[in-house]
């Protein structure tokens, strides 16, 4: 039975009802009615059926009071973080991502909408949010390995780019070279004379955390150094993780002379813990971080860290997405190198530990 409304119905038809009337997905109906450039992939027959159904049902765009044929564009892209943890906006990584994307979007007169009410493990809810917000494309940040969102976005032909995704499973991916970045950090410690190096890794459901942990083991082997598993700890990308991981590492009978951390927040927690325990950084133990957030140059001591060019990565991702939306210019994945920033949290190991 048709779901068409009679002219006397006062309730406005929804996008979902239009899609059901034609027998297409909500995303397809949205792309047609919003006039998005990605709608060029949709057949003229389907496009005509959607527009006719919208007129028949009395559907009106949320951005325009006139019927659908106006094809109003939103000039808006969406940003989808990996998960909606509490205090998500306080994390420096997402702040840099936001800043890079906003700056690039502004150049092209695009707006950015941050999708936080659901995470990537609920793709249908996410798709509804994207459609309701009339997104012309999306930036997905650090998708989880079990996320069903990316396959769904590909199926619906919604333009997208990925930041910090697994290159083996993500198209249109913009990411740091984690192996090279870890290598420059370990090489720095080896050049200083360290042979006993600990590591505090990030959460292993996160691609970057897994890649850095794997790289740590590979690089240590490359330099001919053994890895004491007591010195390798895993936790969230948080200050607290640095505290807990450092406590566990120092329980070893022979502690390391240096600790490499998967991000700067962990490194700050590690340094605070070492100092509370009466150890001096770097006189007693060296610490290296990863990211080069603003606070790294103002910590005590200033933190030696690997610069993660996340602003450049985010700008490149947003620029590529917008060019595709506007002119269907092909999106090419990009990998960026890390850069070691040497400050005062690293020094040669104390003589009594190397003897």
C-alpha atoms as a PDB file:
ATOM      1  CA  UNK A   1       0.000   0.000   0.000  1.00  0.00           C
ATOM      2  CA  UNK A   2       1.329   3.457  -0.890  1.00  0.00           C
ATOM      3  CA  UNK A   3       2.379   5.698   1.972  1.00  0.00           C
ATOM      4  CA  UNK A   4       1.357   8.868   0.089  1.00  0.00           C
ATOM      5  CA  UNK A   5      -0.287  11.547   2.170  1.00  0.00           C
ATOM      6  CA  UNK A   6      -3.495  13.294   1.217  1.00  0.00           C
ATOM      7  CA  UNK A   7      -3.447  17.054   0.616  1.00  0.00           C
ATOM      8  CA  UNK A   8      -5.310  17.511   3.869  1.00  0.00           C
ATOM      9  CA  UNK A   9      -2.506  16.052   5.990  1.00  0.00           C
ATOM     10  CA  UNK A  10      -1.026  18.824   8.091  1.00  0.00           C
ATOM     11  CA  UNK A  11       2.098  16.992   9.249  1.00  0.00           C
ATOM     12  CA  UNK A  12       5.024  17.556   6.894  1.00  0.00           C
ATOM     13  CA  UNK A  13       6.473  14.426   5.255  1.00  0.00           C
ATOM     14  CA  UNK A  14       9.862  13.270   6.459  1.00  0.00           C
ATOM     15  CA  UNK A  15      12.898  12.314   4.378  1.00  0.00           C
ATOM     16  CA  UNK A  16      12.472   8.743   5.612  1.00  0.00           C
ATOM     17  CA  UNK A  17       8.928   8.617   4.202  1.00  0.00           C
ATOM     18  CA  UNK A  18      10.110   9.937   0.836  1.00  0.00           C
ATOM     19  CA  UNK A  19      12.819   7.275   0.687  1.00  0.00           C
ATOM     20  CA  UNK A  20      10.346   4.532   1.634  1.00  0.00           C
ATOM     21  CA  UNK A  21       7.865   5.709  -0.990  1.00  0.00           C
ATOM     22  CA  UNK A  22      10.460   5.338  -3.762  1.00  0.00           C
ATOM     23  CA  UNK A  23      12.196   2.285  -2.330  1.00  0.00           C
ATOM     24  CA  UNK A  24      15.640   3.881  -1.944  1.00  0.00           C
ATOM     25  CA  UNK A  25      17.899   4.536   1.036  1.00  0.00           C
ATOM     26  CA  UNK A  26      17.516   7.668   3.133  1.00  0.00           C
ATOM     27  CA  UNK A  27      21.005   8.700   2.061  1.00  0.00           C
ATOM     28  CA  UNK A  28      20.114   8.453  -1.639  1.00  0.00           C
ATOM     29  CA  UNK A  29      16.969  10.521  -1.128  1.00  0.00           C
ATOM     30  CA  UNK A  30      18.957  13.112   0.815  1.00  0.00           C
ATOM     31  CA  UNK A  31      21.661  13.398  -1.852  1.00  0.00           C
ATOM     32  CA  UNK A  32      19.017  13.980  -4.545  1.00  0.00           C
ATOM     33  CA  UNK A  33      16.961  16.496  -2.577  1.00  0.00           C
ATOM     34  CA  UNK A  34      19.981  18.430  -1.308  1.00  0.00           C
ATOM     35  CA  UNK A  35      21.419  18.815  -4.779  1.00  0.00           C
ATOM     36  CA  UNK A  36      24.788  17.438  -3.662  1.00  0.00           C
ATOM     37  CA  UNK A  37      27.386  16.952  -6.409  1.00  0.00           C
ATOM     38  CA  UNK A  38      27.610  13.285  -5.413  1.00  0.00           C
ATOM     39  CA  UNK A  39      24.079  12.912  -6.771  1.00  0.00           C
ATOM     40  CA  UNK A  40      25.562  12.719 -10.273  1.00  0.00           C
ATOM     41  CA  UNK A  41      26.138   9.027  -9.579  1.00  0.00           C
ATOM     42  CA  UNK A  42      22.393   8.456  -9.155  1.00  0.00           C
ATOM     43  CA  UNK A  43      20.400   7.560 -12.260  1.00  0.00           C
ATOM     44  CA  UNK A  44      18.039  10.125 -13.747  1.00  0.00           C
ATOM     45  CA  UNK A  45      15.140   7.677 -13.254  1.00  0.00           C
ATOM     46  CA  UNK A  46      15.808   7.404  -9.508  1.00  0.00           C
ATOM     47  CA  UNK A  47      16.383  11.135  -9.192  1.00  0.00           C
ATOM     48  CA  UNK A  48      13.095  11.911 -10.931  1.00  0.00           C
ATOM     49  CA  UNK A  49      11.241   9.372  -8.760  1.00  0.00           C
ATOM     50  CA  UNK A  50      12.616  10.897  -5.553  1.00  0.00           C
ATOM     51  CA  UNK A  51      11.761  14.456  -6.564  1.00  0.00           C
ATOM     52  CA  UNK A  52       8.268  13.430  -7.687  1.00  0.00           C
ATOM     53  CA  UNK A  53       7.647  11.579  -4.430  1.00  0.00           C
ATOM     54  CA  UNK A  54       8.856  14.560  -2.400  1.00  0.00           C
ATOM     55  CA  UNK A  55       6.468  16.865  -4.232  1.00  0.00           C
ATOM     56  CA  UNK A  56       3.599  14.401  -3.901  1.00  0.00           C
ATOM     57  CA  UNK A  57       4.157  13.899  -0.181  1.00  0.00           C
ATOM     58  CA  UNK A  58       4.690  17.568   0.543  1.00  0.00           C
ATOM     59  CA  UNK A  59       8.293  17.190   1.720  1.00  0.00           C
ATOM     60  CA  UNK A  60      10.147  20.455   2.297  1.00  0.00           C
ATOM     61  CA  UNK A  61      13.843  20.981   2.849  1.00  0.00           C
ATOM     62  CA  UNK A  62      14.858  21.958   6.381  1.00  0.00           C
ATOM     63  CA  UNK A  63      16.888  24.809   4.850  1.00  0.00           C
ATOM     64  CA  UNK A  64      14.213  26.214   2.570  1.00  0.00           C
ATOM     65  CA  UNK A  65      10.473  26.783   2.832  1.00  0.00           C
ATOM     66  CA  UNK A  66       9.970  26.124  -0.883  1.00  0.00           C
ATOM     67  CA  UNK A  67       9.441  22.678  -2.397  1.00  0.00           C
ATOM     68  CA  UNK A  68      12.397  20.453  -3.203  1.00  0.00           C
ATOM     69  CA  UNK A  69      13.188  21.578  -6.706  1.00  0.00           C
ATOM     70  CA  UNK A  70      15.254  24.477  -5.347  1.00  0.00           C
ATOM     71  CA  UNK A  71      18.145  22.026  -4.675  1.00  0.00           C
ATOM     72  CA  UNK A  72      19.558  23.999  -1.769  1.00  0.00           C
ATOM     73  CA  UNK A  73      23.163  23.073  -0.984  1.00  0.00           C
ATOM     74  CA  UNK A  74      24.369  23.117   2.593  1.00  0.00           C
ATOM     75  CA  UNK A  75      28.091  23.707   1.979  1.00  0.00           C
ATOM     76  CA  UNK A  76      28.643  21.736   5.186  1.00  0.00           C
ATOM     77  CA  UNK A  77      30.941  18.831   5.933  1.00  0.00           C
ATOM     78  CA  UNK A  78      30.705  16.631   9.004  1.00  0.00           C
ATOM     79  CA  UNK A  79      33.422  15.515  11.401  1.00  0.00           C
ATOM     80  CA  UNK A  80      33.000  12.130  13.097  1.00  0.00           C
ATOM     81  CA  UNK A  81      35.409  11.340  15.968  1.00  0.00           C
ATOM     82  CA  UNK A  82      36.329   7.771  16.859  1.00  0.00           C
ATOM     83  CA  UNK A  83      34.042   7.742  19.894  1.00  0.00           C
ATOM     84  CA  UNK A  84      32.088  10.143  22.074  1.00  0.00           C
ATOM     85  CA  UNK A  85      34.083   9.767  25.270  1.00  0.00           C
ATOM     86  CA  UNK A  86      33.423  12.252  28.059  1.00  0.00           C
ATOM     87  CA  UNK A  87      35.439  15.464  27.696  1.00  0.00           C
ATOM     88  CA  UNK A  88      36.185  14.551  24.095  1.00  0.00           C
ATOM     89  CA  UNK A  89      36.845  18.177  23.142  1.00  0.00           C
ATOM     90  CA  UNK A  90      39.541  18.527  25.798  1.00  0.00           C
ATOM     91  CA  UNK A  91      41.868  16.118  23.987  1.00  0.00           C
ATOM     92  CA  UNK A  92      44.597  18.071  22.158  1.00  0.00           C
ATOM     93  CA  UNK A  93      44.593  15.697  19.179  1.00  0.00           C
ATOM     94  CA  UNK A  94      40.952  16.431  18.293  1.00  0.00           C
ATOM     95  CA  UNK A  95      41.506  20.138  18.919  1.00  0.00           C
ATOM     96  CA  UNK A  96      44.279  20.172  16.310  1.00  0.00           C
ATOM     97  CA  UNK A  97      42.103  18.171  13.912  1.00  0.00           C
ATOM     98  CA  UNK A  98      39.227  20.614  14.360  1.00  0.00           C
ATOM     99  CA  UNK A  99      41.476  23.622  13.905  1.00  0.00           C
ATOM    100  CA  UNK A 100      43.008  22.289  10.702  1.00  0.00           C
ATOM    101  CA  UNK A 101      39.674  21.372   9.152  1.00  0.00           C
ATOM    102  CA  UNK A 102      37.945  24.614  10.148  1.00  0.00           C
ATOM    103  CA  UNK A 103      40.783  26.697   8.692  1.00  0.00           C
ATOM    104  CA  UNK A 104      40.665  24.809   5.407  1.00  0.00           C
ATOM    105  CA  UNK A 105      36.857  24.788   5.202  1.00  0.00           C
ATOM    106  CA  UNK A 106      36.766  28.540   5.769  1.00  0.00           C
ATOM    107  CA  UNK A 107      38.875  29.091   2.649  1.00  0.00           C
ATOM    108  CA  UNK A 108      36.194  27.412   0.557  1.00  0.00           C
ATOM    109  CA  UNK A 109      33.247  28.907   2.460  1.00  0.00           C
ATOM    110  CA  UNK A 110      32.215  25.560   3.937  1.00  0.00           C
ATOM    111  CA  UNK A 111      30.878  25.019   7.437  1.00  0.00           C
ATOM    112  CA  UNK A 112      31.895  22.165   9.727  1.00  0.00           C
ATOM    113  CA  UNK A 113      29.477  20.164  11.851  1.00  0.00           C
ATOM    114  CA  UNK A 114      30.849  18.009  14.686  1.00  0.00           C
ATOM    115  CA  UNK A 115      28.830  14.813  15.137  1.00  0.00           C
ATOM    116  CA  UNK A 116      29.084  13.780  18.803  1.00  0.00           C
ATOM    117  CA  UNK A 117      25.732  12.248  19.752  1.00  0.00           C
ATOM    118  CA  UNK A 118      26.729   8.770  18.629  1.00  0.00           C
ATOM    119  CA  UNK A 119      29.931   6.912  17.838  1.00  0.00           C
ATOM    120  CA  UNK A 120      31.089   4.912  14.851  1.00  0.00           C
ATOM    121  CA  UNK A 121      29.782   1.637  16.264  1.00  0.00           C
ATOM    122  CA  UNK A 122      26.201   2.794  15.552  1.00  0.00           C
ATOM    123  CA  UNK A 123      26.370   3.613  11.821  1.00  0.00           C
ATOM    124  CA  UNK A 124      22.625   3.810  11.210  1.00  0.00           C
ATOM    125  CA  UNK A 125      22.264   6.481  13.902  1.00  0.00           C
ATOM    126  CA  UNK A 126      25.258   8.278  12.449  1.00  0.00           C
ATOM    127  CA  UNK A 127      23.822   8.179   8.960  1.00  0.00           C
ATOM    128  CA  UNK A 128      20.560   9.675  10.225  1.00  0.00           C
ATOM    129  CA  UNK A 129      22.537  12.463  11.919  1.00  0.00           C
ATOM    130  CA  UNK A 130      24.503  13.183   8.758  1.00  0.00           C
ATOM    131  CA  UNK A 131      21.362  13.304   6.634  1.00  0.00           C
ATOM    132  CA  UNK A 132      19.490  15.480   9.105  1.00  0.00           C
ATOM    133  CA  UNK A 133      22.405  17.897   9.045  1.00  0.00           C
ATOM    134  CA  UNK A 134      22.477  17.847   5.220  1.00  0.00           C
ATOM    135  CA  UNK A 135      26.179  17.004   5.037  1.00  0.00           C
ATOM    136  CA  UNK A 136      27.837  17.069   1.612  1.00  0.00           C
ATOM    137  CA  UNK A 137      30.739  14.971   2.855  1.00  0.00           C
ATOM    138  CA  UNK A 138      32.365  13.719   6.038  1.00  0.00           C
ATOM    139  CA  UNK A 139      35.750  13.463   7.727  1.00  0.00           C
ATOM    140  CA  UNK A 140      36.072  10.302   9.829  1.00  0.00           C
ATOM    141  CA  UNK A 141      38.752  10.426  12.534  1.00  0.00           C
ATOM    142  CA  UNK A 142      40.506   7.262  13.751  1.00  0.00           C
ATOM    143  CA  UNK A 143      37.829   4.684  12.831  1.00  0.00           C
ATOM    144  CA  UNK A 144      37.796   1.568  15.006  1.00  0.00           C
ATOM    145  CA  UNK A 145      38.739  -1.706  13.298  1.00  0.00           C
ATOM    146  CA  UNK A 146      35.227  -3.110  13.829  1.00  0.00           C
ATOM    147  CA  UNK A 147      33.422   0.037  12.734  1.00  0.00           C
ATOM    148  CA  UNK A 148      30.636  -0.567  10.222  1.00  0.00           C
ATOM    149  CA  UNK A 149      30.487   3.107   9.344  1.00  0.00           C
ATOM    150  CA  UNK A 150      33.048   3.181   6.522  1.00  0.00           C
ATOM    151  CA  UNK A 151      31.436   0.354   4.502  1.00  0.00           C
ATOM    152  CA  UNK A 152      28.043   2.014   4.923  1.00  0.00           C
ATOM    153  CA  UNK A 153      29.337   5.404   3.764  1.00  0.00           C
ATOM    154  CA  UNK A 154      30.925   3.759   0.718  1.00  0.00           C
ATOM    155  CA  UNK A 155      27.667   1.954  -0.040  1.00  0.00           C
ATOM    156  CA  UNK A 156      25.716   5.206   0.127  1.00  0.00           C
ATOM    157  CA  UNK A 157      28.297   7.097  -1.978  1.00  0.00           C
ATOM    158  CA  UNK A 158      28.636   9.866   0.587  1.00  0.00           C
ATOM    159  CA  UNK A 159      31.996  11.597  -0.064  1.00  0.00           C
ATOM    160  CA  UNK A 160      34.454  11.005   2.774  1.00  0.00           C
ATOM    161  CA  UNK A 161      38.062  11.149   3.875  1.00  0.00           C
ATOM    162  CA  UNK A 162      39.703   9.400   6.829  1.00  0.00           C
ATOM    163  CA  UNK A 163      42.271  10.760   9.281  1.00  0.00           C
ATOM    164  CA  UNK A 164      44.437   8.269  11.197  1.00  0.00           C
ATOM    165  CA  UNK A 165      42.805   5.210   9.666  1.00  0.00           C
ATOM    166  CA  UNK A 166      44.419   1.859   8.932  1.00  0.00           C
ATOM    167  CA  UNK A 167      45.869   2.171   5.396  1.00  0.00           C
ATOM    168  CA  UNK A 168      45.121  -1.506   4.816  1.00  0.00           C
ATOM    169  CA  UNK A 169      41.386  -0.938   5.251  1.00  0.00           C
ATOM    170  CA  UNK A 170      40.764   2.754   4.546  1.00  0.00           C
ATOM    171  CA  UNK A 171      40.531   4.597   1.251  1.00  0.00           C
ATOM    172  CA  UNK A 172      41.123   8.346   1.096  1.00  0.00           C
ATOM    173  CA  UNK A 173      43.338   8.041   4.182  1.00  0.00           C
ATOM    174  CA  UNK A 174      45.507  10.804   5.652  1.00  0.00           C
ATOM    175  CA  UNK A 175      47.933   9.551   8.269  1.00  0.00           C
ATOM    176  CA  UNK A 176      51.379   9.940   9.814  1.00  0.00           C
ATOM    177  CA  UNK A 177      54.043   7.353   9.021  1.00  0.00           C
ATOM    178  CA  UNK A 178      53.980   5.751  12.455  1.00  0.00           C
ATOM    179  CA  UNK A 179      56.930   3.438  11.798  1.00  0.00           C
ATOM    180  CA  UNK A 180      59.190   6.280  10.659  1.00  0.00           C
ATOM    181  CA  UNK A 181      58.049   8.471  13.553  1.00  0.00           C
ATOM    182  CA  UNK A 182      58.823   5.795  16.149  1.00  0.00           C
ATOM    183  CA  UNK A 183      62.164   5.100  14.475  1.00  0.00           C
ATOM    184  CA  UNK A 184      63.384   8.701  14.829  1.00  0.00           C
ATOM    185  CA  UNK A 185      62.458   8.670  18.529  1.00  0.00           C
ATOM    186  CA  UNK A 186      64.246   5.401  19.302  1.00  0.00           C
ATOM    187  CA  UNK A 187      67.239   6.418  17.156  1.00  0.00           C
ATOM    188  CA  UNK A 188      67.584   9.559  19.266  1.00  0.00           C
ATOM    189  CA  UNK A 189      67.680   7.536  22.488  1.00  0.00           C
ATOM    190  CA  UNK A 190      70.135   5.034  21.017  1.00  0.00           C
ATOM    191  CA  UNK A 191      72.422   7.858  19.906  1.00  0.00           C
ATOM    192  CA  UNK A 192      72.401   9.141  23.490  1.00  0.00           C
ATOM    193  CA  UNK A 193      73.547   5.700  24.669  1.00  0.00           C
ATOM    194  CA  UNK A 194      70.297   4.163  25.937  1.00  0.00           C
ATOM    195  CA  UNK A 195      69.866   0.419  25.543  1.00  0.00           C
ATOM    196  CA  UNK A 196      67.130  -0.178  28.119  1.00  0.00           C
ATOM    197  CA  UNK A 197      64.062   1.570  26.779  1.00  0.00           C
ATOM    198  CA  UNK A 198      60.516   1.223  28.088  1.00  0.00           C
ATOM    199  CA  UNK A 199      57.311   2.022  26.247  1.00  0.00           C
ATOM    200  CA  UNK A 200      53.825   3.113  27.325  1.00  0.00           C
ATOM    201  CA  UNK A 201      51.457   2.336  24.452  1.00  0.00           C
ATOM    202  CA  UNK A 202      48.006   3.685  23.667  1.00  0.00           C
ATOM    203  CA  UNK A 203      44.727   1.713  23.413  1.00  0.00           C
ATOM    204  CA  UNK A 204      45.100  -1.207  21.042  1.00  0.00           C
ATOM    205  CA  UNK A 205      41.659  -0.781  19.463  1.00  0.00           C
ATOM    206  CA  UNK A 206      43.104   2.405  17.921  1.00  0.00           C
ATOM    207  CA  UNK A 207      45.092   1.964  14.687  1.00  0.00           C
ATOM    208  CA  UNK A 208      47.766   4.547  15.533  1.00  0.00           C
ATOM    209  CA  UNK A 209      48.344   2.977  18.953  1.00  0.00           C
ATOM    210  CA  UNK A 210      48.729  -0.495  17.458  1.00  0.00           C
ATOM    211  CA  UNK A 211      50.995   0.775  14.688  1.00  0.00           C
ATOM    212  CA  UNK A 212      53.275   2.593  17.145  1.00  0.00           C
ATOM    213  CA  UNK A 213      53.498  -0.386  19.472  1.00  0.00           C
ATOM    214  CA  UNK A 214      54.328  -2.722  16.585  1.00  0.00           C
ATOM    215  CA  UNK A 215      56.898  -0.221  15.328  1.00  0.00           C
ATOM    216  CA  UNK A 216      58.501  -0.025  18.773  1.00  0.00           C
ATOM    217  CA  UNK A 217      59.198  -3.771  18.770  1.00  0.00           C
ATOM    218  CA  UNK A 218      60.418  -3.716  15.165  1.00  0.00           C
ATOM    219  CA  UNK A 219      62.725  -0.737  15.642  1.00  0.00           C
ATOM    220  CA  UNK A 220      64.188  -2.065  18.880  1.00  0.00           C
ATOM    221  CA  UNK A 221      65.011  -5.315  17.058  1.00  0.00           C
ATOM    222  CA  UNK A 222      66.503  -3.357  14.171  1.00  0.00           C
ATOM    223  CA  UNK A 223      68.876  -1.627  16.598  1.00  0.00           C
ATOM    224  CA  UNK A 224      69.770  -4.968  18.170  1.00  0.00           C
ATOM    225  CA  UNK A 225      68.064  -4.145  21.467  1.00  0.00           C
ATOM    226  CA  UNK A 226      65.964  -6.561  23.478  1.00  0.00           C
ATOM    227  CA  UNK A 227      62.553  -5.593  24.839  1.00  0.00           C
ATOM    228  CA  UNK A 228      61.784  -6.336  28.478  1.00  0.00           C
ATOM    229  CA  UNK A 229      58.017  -6.901  28.555  1.00  0.00           C
ATOM    230  CA  UNK A 230      57.918  -5.526  32.113  1.00  0.00           C
ATOM    231  CA  UNK A 231      58.835  -2.194  30.582  1.00  0.00           C
ATOM    232  CA  UNK A 232      55.982  -2.247  28.028  1.00  0.00           C
ATOM    233  CA  UNK A 233      52.605  -1.028  29.291  1.00  0.00           C
ATOM    234  CA  UNK A 234      49.304  -0.330  27.531  1.00  0.00           C
ATOM    235  CA  UNK A 235      46.550   2.132  28.423  1.00  0.00           C
ATOM    236  CA  UNK A 236      44.433   5.020  27.134  1.00  0.00           C
ATOM    237  CA  UNK A 237      45.934   8.133  25.546  1.00  0.00           C
ATOM    238  CA  UNK A 238      45.677   9.972  28.898  1.00  0.00           C
ATOM    239  CA  UNK A 239      47.747  11.603  31.638  1.00  0.00           C
ATOM    240  CA  UNK A 240      46.500   8.928  34.053  1.00  0.00           C
ATOM    241  CA  UNK A 241      47.817   6.208  31.763  1.00  0.00           C
ATOM    242  CA  UNK A 242      51.271   7.768  32.036  1.00  0.00           C
ATOM    243  CA  UNK A 243      51.056   7.665  35.817  1.00  0.00           C
ATOM    244  CA  UNK A 244      49.875   4.056  35.992  1.00  0.00           C
ATOM    245  CA  UNK A 245      52.232   2.797  33.308  1.00  0.00           C
ATOM    246  CA  UNK A 246      55.260   4.410  34.911  1.00  0.00           C
ATOM    247  CA  UNK A 247      54.456   2.924  38.304  1.00  0.00           C
ATOM    248  CA  UNK A 248      54.238  -0.540  36.759  1.00  0.00           C
ATOM    249  CA  UNK A 249      57.479  -0.103  34.802  1.00  0.00           C
ATOM    250  CA  UNK A 250      59.415   0.999  37.902  1.00  0.00           C
ATOM    251  CA  UNK A 251      58.405  -2.167  39.756  1.00  0.00           C
ATOM    252  CA  UNK A 252      60.973  -3.968  37.630  1.00  0.00           C
ATOM    253  CA  UNK A 253      64.149  -4.955  39.483  1.00  0.00           C
ATOM    254  CA  UNK A 254      66.175  -3.213  36.780  1.00  0.00           C
ATOM    255  CA  UNK A 255      64.216  -0.244  35.443  1.00  0.00           C
ATOM    256  CA  UNK A 256      64.867   1.254  32.012  1.00  0.00           C
ATOM    257  CA  UNK A 257      66.930   4.395  31.511  1.00  0.00           C
ATOM    258  CA  UNK A 258      64.377   5.882  29.110  1.00  0.00           C
ATOM    259  CA  UNK A 259      60.621   5.705  28.553  1.00  0.00           C
ATOM    260  CA  UNK A 260      59.047   6.382  25.174  1.00  0.00           C
ATOM    261  CA  UNK A 261      55.337   7.285  25.286  1.00  0.00           C
ATOM    262  CA  UNK A 262      52.667   6.884  22.603  1.00  0.00           C
ATOM    263  CA  UNK A 263      51.503  10.476  23.012  1.00  0.00           C
ATOM    264  CA  UNK A 264      52.414  13.611  24.950  1.00  0.00           C
ATOM    265  CA  UNK A 265      49.634  13.291  27.513  1.00  0.00           C
ATOM    266  CA  UNK A 266      51.036   9.926  28.569  1.00  0.00           C
ATOM    267  CA  UNK A 267      54.527  11.457  28.678  1.00  0.00           C
ATOM    268  CA  UNK A 268      53.361  14.283  30.954  1.00  0.00           C
ATOM    269  CA  UNK A 269      51.903  11.702  33.342  1.00  0.00           C
ATOM    270  CA  UNK A 270      55.148   9.720  33.218  1.00  0.00           C
ATOM    271  CA  UNK A 271      57.300  12.754  34.012  1.00  0.00           C
ATOM    272  CA  UNK A 272      55.044  13.824  36.880  1.00  0.00           C
ATOM    273  CA  UNK A 273      55.227  10.339  38.381  1.00  0.00           C
ATOM    274  CA  UNK A 274      58.999  10.084  38.074  1.00  0.00           C
ATOM    275  CA  UNK A 275      59.435  13.439  39.773  1.00  0.00           C
ATOM    276  CA  UNK A 276      57.017  12.533  42.572  1.00  0.00           C
ATOM    277  CA  UNK A 277      59.102   9.404  43.184  1.00  0.00           C
ATOM    278  CA  UNK A 278      62.236  11.505  43.566  1.00  0.00           C
ATOM    279  CA  UNK A 279      63.730  10.756  40.164  1.00  0.00           C
ATOM    280  CA  UNK A 280      65.077  13.518  37.968  1.00  0.00           C
ATOM    281  CA  UNK A 281      64.176  13.861  34.292  1.00  0.00           C
ATOM    282  CA  UNK A 282      66.475  13.418  32.389  1.00  0.00           C
ATOM    283  CA  UNK A 283      69.363  12.951  34.864  1.00  0.00           C
ATOM    284  CA  UNK A 284      67.915   9.664  36.152  1.00  0.00           C
ATOM    285  CA  UNK A 285      65.597   8.689  33.334  1.00  0.00           C
ATOM    286  CA  UNK A 286      64.774  10.198  29.933  1.00  0.00           C
ATOM    287  CA  UNK A 287      61.240  10.627  28.574  1.00  0.00           C
ATOM    288  CA  UNK A 288      60.096  11.022  24.954  1.00  0.00           C
ATOM    289  CA  UNK A 289      56.552  11.857  23.855  1.00  0.00           C
ATOM    290  CA  UNK A 290      54.619  11.800  20.592  1.00  0.00           C
ATOM    291  CA  UNK A 291      52.544  14.628  19.033  1.00  0.00           C
ATOM    292  CA  UNK A 292      54.319  17.864  20.033  1.00  0.00           C
ATOM    293  CA  UNK A 293      51.259  19.513  21.563  1.00  0.00           C
ATOM    294  CA  UNK A 294      51.593  23.128  22.696  1.00  0.00           C
ATOM    295  CA  UNK A 295      52.254  22.202  26.328  1.00  0.00           C
ATOM    296  CA  UNK A 296      55.282  20.101  25.331  1.00  0.00           C
ATOM    297  CA  UNK A 297      57.479  23.197  25.078  1.00  0.00           C
ATOM    298  CA  UNK A 298      56.256  24.503  28.463  1.00  0.00           C
ATOM    299  CA  UNK A 299      56.437  21.346  30.599  1.00  0.00           C
ATOM    300  CA  UNK A 300      59.116  20.842  33.264  1.00  0.00           C
ATOM    301  CA  UNK A 301      61.437  19.907  31.730  1.00  0.00           C
ATOM    302  CA  UNK A 302      60.371  20.765  28.168  1.00  0.00           C
ATOM    303  CA  UNK A 303      59.482  17.505  26.467  1.00  0.00           C
ATOM    304  CA  UNK A 304      61.454  15.854  23.693  1.00  0.00           C
ATOM    305  CA  UNK A 305      58.777  14.530  21.362  1.00  0.00           C
ATOM    306  CA  UNK A 306      57.887  13.492  17.826  1.00  0.00           C
ATOM    307  CA  UNK A 307      56.001  16.195  15.990  1.00  0.00           C
ATOM    308  CA  UNK A 308      52.765  14.803  14.559  1.00  0.00           C
ATOM    309  CA  UNK A 309      51.799  17.164  11.690  1.00  0.00           C
ATOM    310  CA  UNK A 310      48.115  16.779  12.503  1.00  0.00           C
ATOM    311  CA  UNK A 311      47.195  20.307  11.407  1.00  0.00           C
ATOM    312  CA  UNK A 312      48.714  19.733   7.973  1.00  0.00           C
ATOM    313  CA  UNK A 313      47.134  16.283   7.793  1.00  0.00           C
ATOM    314  CA  UNK A 314      43.702  17.681   8.662  1.00  0.00           C
ATOM    315  CA  UNK A 315      44.005  20.546   6.213  1.00  0.00           C
ATOM    316  CA  UNK A 316      45.023  18.194   3.416  1.00  0.00           C
ATOM    317  CA  UNK A 317      42.117  15.861   4.206  1.00  0.00           C
ATOM    318  CA  UNK A 318      39.557  18.683   4.284  1.00  0.00           C
ATOM    319  CA  UNK A 319      40.950  20.280   1.134  1.00  0.00           C
ATOM    320  CA  UNK A 320      40.795  16.992  -0.770  1.00  0.00           C
ATOM    321  CA  UNK A 321      37.234  16.338   0.397  1.00  0.00           C
ATOM    322  CA  UNK A 322      36.008  19.793  -0.593  1.00  0.00           C
ATOM    323  CA  UNK A 323      37.696  19.607  -4.024  1.00  0.00           C
ATOM    324  CA  UNK A 324      35.940  16.296  -4.601  1.00  0.00           C
ATOM    325  CA  UNK A 325      32.569  17.723  -3.542  1.00  0.00           C
ATOM    326  CA  UNK A 326      32.970  20.741  -5.803  1.00  0.00           C
ATOM    327  CA  UNK A 327      34.547  19.166  -8.881  1.00  0.00           C
ATOM    328  CA  UNK A 328      34.891  15.408  -8.219  1.00  0.00           C
ATOM    329  CA  UNK A 329      38.683  15.736  -8.240  1.00  0.00           C
ATOM    330  CA  UNK A 330      40.045  12.334  -7.270  1.00  0.00           C
ATOM    331  CA  UNK A 331      41.097  11.989  -3.628  1.00  0.00           C
ATOM    332  CA  UNK A 332      44.608  10.595  -3.128  1.00  0.00           C
ATOM    333  CA  UNK A 333      45.631   9.130   0.231  1.00  0.00           C
ATOM    334  CA  UNK A 334      48.621  10.838   1.833  1.00  0.00           C
ATOM    335  CA  UNK A 335      51.215   9.758   4.426  1.00  0.00           C
ATOM    336  CA  UNK A 336      53.165  12.377   6.385  1.00  0.00           C
ATOM    337  CA  UNK A 337      56.536  12.012   8.154  1.00  0.00           C
ATOM    338  CA  UNK A 338      57.073  12.638  11.859  1.00  0.00           C
ATOM    339  CA  UNK A 339      59.790  15.014  13.032  1.00  0.00           C
ATOM    340  CA  UNK A 340      61.825  14.713  16.226  1.00  0.00           C
ATOM    341  CA  UNK A 341      61.742  17.842  18.387  1.00  0.00           C
ATOM    342  CA  UNK A 342      64.630  17.646  20.866  1.00  0.00           C
ATOM    343  CA  UNK A 343      64.192  19.415  24.187  1.00  0.00           C
ATOM    344  CA  UNK A 344      65.449  18.869  27.724  1.00  0.00           C
ATOM    345  CA  UNK A 345      63.665  15.666  28.801  1.00  0.00           C
ATOM    346  CA  UNK A 346      66.326  13.444  27.215  1.00  0.00           C
ATOM    347  CA  UNK A 347      70.029  13.004  28.016  1.00  0.00           C
ATOM    348  CA  UNK A 348      72.605  10.200  28.082  1.00  0.00           C
ATOM    349  CA  UNK A 349      71.835   7.493  30.660  1.00  0.00           C
ATOM    350  CA  UNK A 350      73.456   7.778  34.087  1.00  0.00           C
ATOM    351  CA  UNK A 351      76.793   5.946  34.308  1.00  0.00           C
ATOM    352  CA  UNK A 352      75.704   3.691  37.142  1.00  0.00           C
ATOM    353  CA  UNK A 353      72.871   2.282  35.052  1.00  0.00           C
ATOM    354  CA  UNK A 354      74.990   1.581  31.998  1.00  0.00           C
ATOM    355  CA  UNK A 355      77.908   0.008  33.848  1.00  0.00           C
END
